[in-house]
Amino acid sequence: MATAAPPVIELTGVVKDYKGLRPLRVASLTVGDGERVAVSGLDATAAEVLVNLVNGAILPDTGQVRVFGRDTADIGNETEWLASLERFGIVTPRAVLLEGATLLQNLALPLTLEIDRVPADIEARIHELAGRVGIDPAHLGQLAGDAPADVRMRVHLARAMALRPQVLLLEHPTLGVSPEVVPGFAHDTLRVVSEADLTVLAVTNDPVFTDVVAQRAFTLRPGSGELVTAKGWRRWLGM
């Protein structure tokens, strides 16, 4: 009999003190291969801590974080960690954009350092990426600093997808995004991750984004670290 593959992401008994009101606690969280899971109930700082625990940038004070069956505490050095990081695409409003550069130039950065004159083959790839995430190619000449929040998040999504990750970590992806454009962004995100068959962990307090993207959704109880199944907004409304 074949042995079942371990979860792609597995947190057990995790506690991490990040000098907030209370430590981050996650009693148990698993995300299977190709599964899309959303977790709400975390503020911006706690969300950053959770993402960094999953990608191995930091270690829990107690408990265990396993990714692809391996304890992140077993990553031996910086070189090994950087190699493991290639499995992840991270979408977060914390990521830096070059405000005085165009969207095209910002999208080129994961692929080349030649952004003053982006090579033709890279530019073709950028146009393909932009189309996938819902950025009108006609807007690629726009300065990043002039782009609305949803377009900036689409840039972050495209950059995360550029290096073909296996796991997508979304950290409050609709923060600052106008509510009326969240559904469109959510559906574009769902299409992109579904086409790539990615494993997704989204930390978001946005029920609309969650209801579109996630297959399973939980709310974290910060005192105990228990994850409670959340209901989608459409189901709350009887839709």
Protein backbone atom coordinates (compact mmCIF):
# COMPACT_ATOMS: atom_id res chain seq x y z
CA MET A 1 0.00 0.00 0.00
CA ALA A 2 1.37 3.42 -0.98
CA THR A 3 2.20 5.79 1.86
CA ALA A 4 0.13 8.97 1.85
CA ALA A 5 2.08 12.13 1.09
CA PRO A 6 2.53 14.46 4.07
CA PRO A 7 0.72 17.81 4.10
CA VAL A 8 2.53 20.56 2.24
CA ILE A 9 2.17 22.81 5.31
CA GLU A 10 1.73 21.51 8.84
CA LEU A 11 1.85 23.51 12.07
CA THR A 12 1.50 21.73 15.40
CA GLY A 13 1.48 23.36 18.83
CA VAL A 14 3.17 26.50 17.51
CA VAL A 15 3.85 29.45 19.80
CA LYS A 16 5.86 32.50 18.69
CA ASP A 17 6.35 35.55 20.89
CA TYR A 18 6.73 38.57 18.63
CA LYS A 19 6.28 41.18 21.40
CA GLY A 20 2.66 41.84 20.52
CA LEU A 21 -0.28 41.81 22.91
CA ARG A 22 0.08 38.03 23.08
CA PRO A 23 2.20 35.43 21.32
CA LEU A 24 1.00 33.96 18.06
CA ARG A 25 -0.47 30.55 18.80
CA VAL A 26 -1.53 27.96 16.23
CA ALA A 27 -2.65 24.69 17.77
CA SER A 28 -2.96 22.75 14.51
CA LEU A 29 -3.05 23.72 10.84
CA THR A 30 -2.56 21.51 7.80
CA VAL A 31 -2.71 22.41 4.11
CA GLY A 32 -2.65 19.55 1.65
CA ASP A 33 -1.08 19.46 -1.80
CA GLY A 34 -3.08 21.70 -4.14
CA GLU A 35 -5.40 22.83 -1.37
CA ARG A 36 -6.46 26.44 -0.80
CA VAL A 37 -6.87 27.44 2.84
CA ALA A 38 -7.65 30.84 4.36
CA VAL A 39 -7.07 31.95 7.95
CA SER A 40 -8.61 35.08 9.46
CA GLY A 41 -8.26 36.73 12.86
CA LEU A 42 -4.67 37.93 12.51
CA ASP A 43 -3.57 41.55 12.34
CA ALA A 44 -0.84 42.70 9.96
CA THR A 45 2.05 41.90 12.29
CA ALA A 46 0.76 38.47 13.28
CA ALA A 47 0.13 37.65 9.62
CA GLU A 48 3.73 38.53 8.78
CA VAL A 49 4.93 36.28 11.61
CA LEU A 50 2.81 33.37 10.40
CA VAL A 51 4.06 33.73 6.82
CA ASN A 52 7.66 33.87 8.03
CA LEU A 53 7.14 30.77 10.17
CA VAL A 54 5.83 28.86 7.16
CA ASN A 55 8.62 29.93 4.82
CA GLY A 56 11.26 29.17 7.45
CA ALA A 57 12.53 32.73 7.89
CA ILE A 58 11.88 32.39 11.63
CA LEU A 59 11.38 29.44 13.95
CA PRO A 60 8.66 28.90 16.56
CA ASP A 61 9.51 29.23 20.24
CA THR A 62 7.69 25.95 20.78
CA GLY A 63 5.93 23.55 18.47
CA GLN A 64 6.75 22.40 14.99
CA VAL A 65 6.41 23.79 11.46
CA ARG A 66 6.81 21.23 8.68
CA VAL A 67 6.83 22.07 4.97
CA PHE A 68 6.77 19.25 2.42
CA GLY A 69 7.28 16.90 5.36
CA ARG A 70 10.44 18.60 6.63
CA ASP A 71 10.77 20.48 9.92
CA THR A 72 11.86 24.05 9.17
CA ALA A 73 14.18 23.79 12.20
CA ASP A 74 16.25 21.28 10.20
CA ILE A 75 17.22 23.87 7.57
CA GLY A 76 20.92 24.07 8.27
CA ASN A 77 22.16 27.35 6.81
CA GLU A 78 21.28 30.45 4.79
CA THR A 79 22.10 28.83 1.44
CA GLU A 80 19.79 25.92 2.17
CA TRP A 81 17.04 28.28 3.33
CA LEU A 82 17.30 30.41 0.18
CA ALA A 83 16.98 27.25 -1.90
CA SER A 84 13.88 26.20 0.07
CA LEU A 85 12.41 29.69 -0.37
CA GLU A 86 12.22 29.13 -4.13
CA ARG A 87 9.21 26.91 -3.53
CA PHE A 88 7.22 29.89 -2.28
CA GLY A 89 5.55 32.83 -3.92
CA ILE A 90 4.59 35.53 -1.43
CA VAL A 91 1.94 38.17 -2.05
CA THR A 92 1.97 40.97 0.51
CA PRO A 93 1.47 44.74 0.52
CA ARG A 94 4.75 44.88 2.49
CA ALA A 95 6.70 43.99 -0.63
CA VAL A 96 8.61 46.91 -2.12
CA LEU A 97 7.75 48.39 -5.49
CA LEU A 98 9.95 50.93 -7.25
CA GLU A 99 7.49 53.82 -7.16
CA GLY A 100 9.28 55.82 -9.85
CA ALA A 101 9.56 52.84 -12.20
CA THR A 102 6.87 51.56 -14.53
CA LEU A 103 4.76 48.51 -13.89
CA LEU A 104 6.68 46.82 -16.70
CA GLN A 105 9.98 47.52 -14.98
CA ASN A 106 8.68 46.31 -11.61
CA LEU A 107 7.39 43.12 -13.17
CA ALA A 108 10.76 42.56 -14.82
CA LEU A 109 12.70 42.52 -11.53
CA PRO A 110 12.19 38.83 -10.66
CA LEU A 111 13.44 37.93 -14.13
CA THR A 112 16.25 40.38 -14.92
CA LEU A 113 18.23 43.31 -13.55
CA GLU A 114 18.11 45.00 -16.95
CA ILE A 115 15.08 47.15 -16.34
CA ASP A 116 16.16 50.37 -18.08
CA ARG A 117 15.73 48.49 -21.34
CA VAL A 118 13.88 45.30 -20.66
CA PRO A 119 15.03 42.54 -23.05
CA ALA A 120 12.43 41.60 -25.66
CA ASP A 121 12.02 38.01 -24.47
CA ILE A 122 11.51 39.19 -20.88
CA GLU A 123 9.02 41.83 -22.01
CA ALA A 124 7.02 39.15 -23.82
CA ARG A 125 6.95 37.08 -20.63
CA ILE A 126 5.82 40.13 -18.63
CA HIS A 127 2.93 40.77 -21.02
CA GLU A 128 1.86 37.14 -20.57
CA LEU A 129 2.08 37.43 -16.77
CA ALA A 130 0.21 40.73 -16.75
CA GLY A 131 -2.61 39.24 -18.78
CA ARG A 132 -2.86 36.26 -16.44
CA VAL A 133 -3.30 38.41 -13.32
CA GLY A 134 -5.65 40.91 -14.92
CA ILE A 135 -3.34 43.85 -15.62
CA ASP A 136 -4.23 45.56 -18.89
CA PRO A 137 -1.00 45.50 -20.97
CA ALA A 138 -1.78 49.08 -22.00
CA HIS A 139 -1.12 50.11 -18.38
CA LEU A 140 2.36 48.61 -18.15
CA GLY A 141 3.91 52.00 -18.90
CA GLN A 142 2.22 53.52 -15.83
CA LEU A 143 4.41 54.41 -12.86
CA ALA A 144 3.92 52.02 -9.94
CA GLY A 145 3.48 54.98 -7.58
CA ASP A 146 0.42 56.08 -9.57
CA ALA A 147 -1.24 52.65 -9.66
CA PRO A 148 -4.29 51.92 -7.47
CA ALA A 149 -4.02 49.37 -4.68
CA ASP A 150 -5.64 46.51 -6.59
CA VAL A 151 -3.24 46.93 -9.52
CA ARG A 152 -0.28 47.02 -7.13
CA MET A 153 -1.48 43.74 -5.60
CA ARG A 154 -1.78 42.25 -9.07
CA VAL A 155 1.86 43.25 -9.63
CA HIS A 156 2.80 41.45 -6.42
CA LEU A 157 0.80 38.40 -7.56
CA ALA A 158 2.48 38.40 -10.97
CA ARG A 159 5.94 38.70 -9.41
CA ALA A 160 5.16 35.85 -7.04
CA MET A 161 4.09 33.69 -9.97
CA ALA A 162 7.04 34.65 -12.19
CA LEU A 163 9.40 32.01 -10.81
CA ARG A 164 6.78 29.24 -10.84
CA PRO A 165 6.39 28.48 -7.11
CA GLN A 166 4.73 25.41 -5.65
CA VAL A 167 3.13 27.26 -2.72
CA LEU A 168 1.52 30.70 -2.69
CA LEU A 169 1.40 32.59 0.61
CA LEU A 170 -1.03 35.53 0.59
CA GLU A 171 -0.69 38.03 3.42
CA HIS A 172 -3.71 40.37 3.66
CA PRO A 173 -3.85 40.63 -0.15
CA THR A 174 -6.82 43.03 -0.21
CA LEU A 175 -5.48 45.48 2.39
CA GLY A 176 -6.23 48.96 1.05
CA VAL A 177 -8.07 47.61 -1.99
CA SER A 178 -11.46 49.21 -2.71
CA PRO A 179 -14.26 46.78 -1.81
CA GLU A 180 -15.92 47.08 -5.22
CA VAL A 181 -12.89 45.62 -7.01
CA VAL A 182 -12.15 42.83 -4.51
CA PRO A 183 -14.38 40.25 -6.27
CA GLY A 184 -12.61 40.76 -9.58
CA PHE A 185 -9.19 40.49 -7.97
CA ALA A 186 -10.29 37.40 -6.05
CA HIS A 187 -11.56 35.65 -9.18
CA ASP A 188 -8.35 36.49 -11.06
CA THR A 189 -6.34 35.09 -8.15
CA LEU A 190 -8.41 31.92 -8.14
CA ARG A 191 -7.92 31.44 -11.86
CA VAL A 192 -4.16 31.92 -11.61
CA VAL A 193 -3.65 29.51 -8.71
CA SER A 194 -6.02 26.94 -10.21
CA GLU A 195 -4.24 26.96 -13.56
CA ALA A 196 -0.91 26.43 -11.79
CA ASP A 197 -2.38 23.88 -9.35
CA LEU A 198 -0.76 25.70 -6.43
CA THR A 199 -1.06 25.03 -2.74
CA VAL A 200 -2.37 28.25 -1.17
CA LEU A 201 -2.36 29.63 2.37
CA ALA A 202 -4.09 33.01 2.57
CA VAL A 203 -4.03 35.09 5.74
CA THR A 204 -6.91 37.49 5.22
CA ASN A 205 -9.78 39.07 7.12
CA ASP A 206 -11.68 39.74 3.89
CA PRO A 207 -14.70 37.39 3.70
CA VAL A 208 -15.33 38.18 0.03
CA PHE A 209 -11.80 37.24 -1.03
CA THR A 210 -11.94 34.16 1.21
CA ASP A 211 -15.26 32.95 -0.15
CA VAL A 212 -14.00 33.11 -3.73
CA VAL A 213 -10.48 31.72 -3.29
CA ALA A 214 -10.50 29.29 -0.36
CA GLN A 215 -11.70 25.71 -0.22
CA ARG A 216 -11.42 25.72 3.57
CA ALA A 217 -11.53 28.78 5.83
CA PHE A 218 -10.76 29.18 9.52
CA THR A 219 -10.78 31.91 12.14
CA LEU A 220 -7.92 31.85 14.64
CA ARG A 221 -8.77 32.17 18.33
CA PRO A 222 -5.66 34.00 19.48
CA GLY A 223 -5.82 32.96 23.14
CA SER A 224 -5.85 29.22 22.49
CA GLY A 225 -4.53 29.01 18.93
CA GLU A 226 -7.58 26.97 17.93
CA LEU A 227 -8.75 27.28 14.33
CA VAL A 228 -12.52 27.42 14.02
CA THR A 229 -14.25 26.74 10.71
CA ALA A 230 -15.50 30.01 9.20
CA LYS A 231 -18.63 30.41 7.14
CA GLY A 232 -18.55 32.18 3.78
CA TRP A 233 -20.34 35.46 3.34
CA ARG A 234 -22.63 34.05 0.64
CA ARG A 235 -23.73 31.29 2.98
CA TRP A 236 -24.35 33.86 5.74
CA LEU A 237 -26.63 35.69 3.31
CA GLY A 238 -28.32 32.48 2.15
CA MET A 239 -27.02 32.88 -1.40
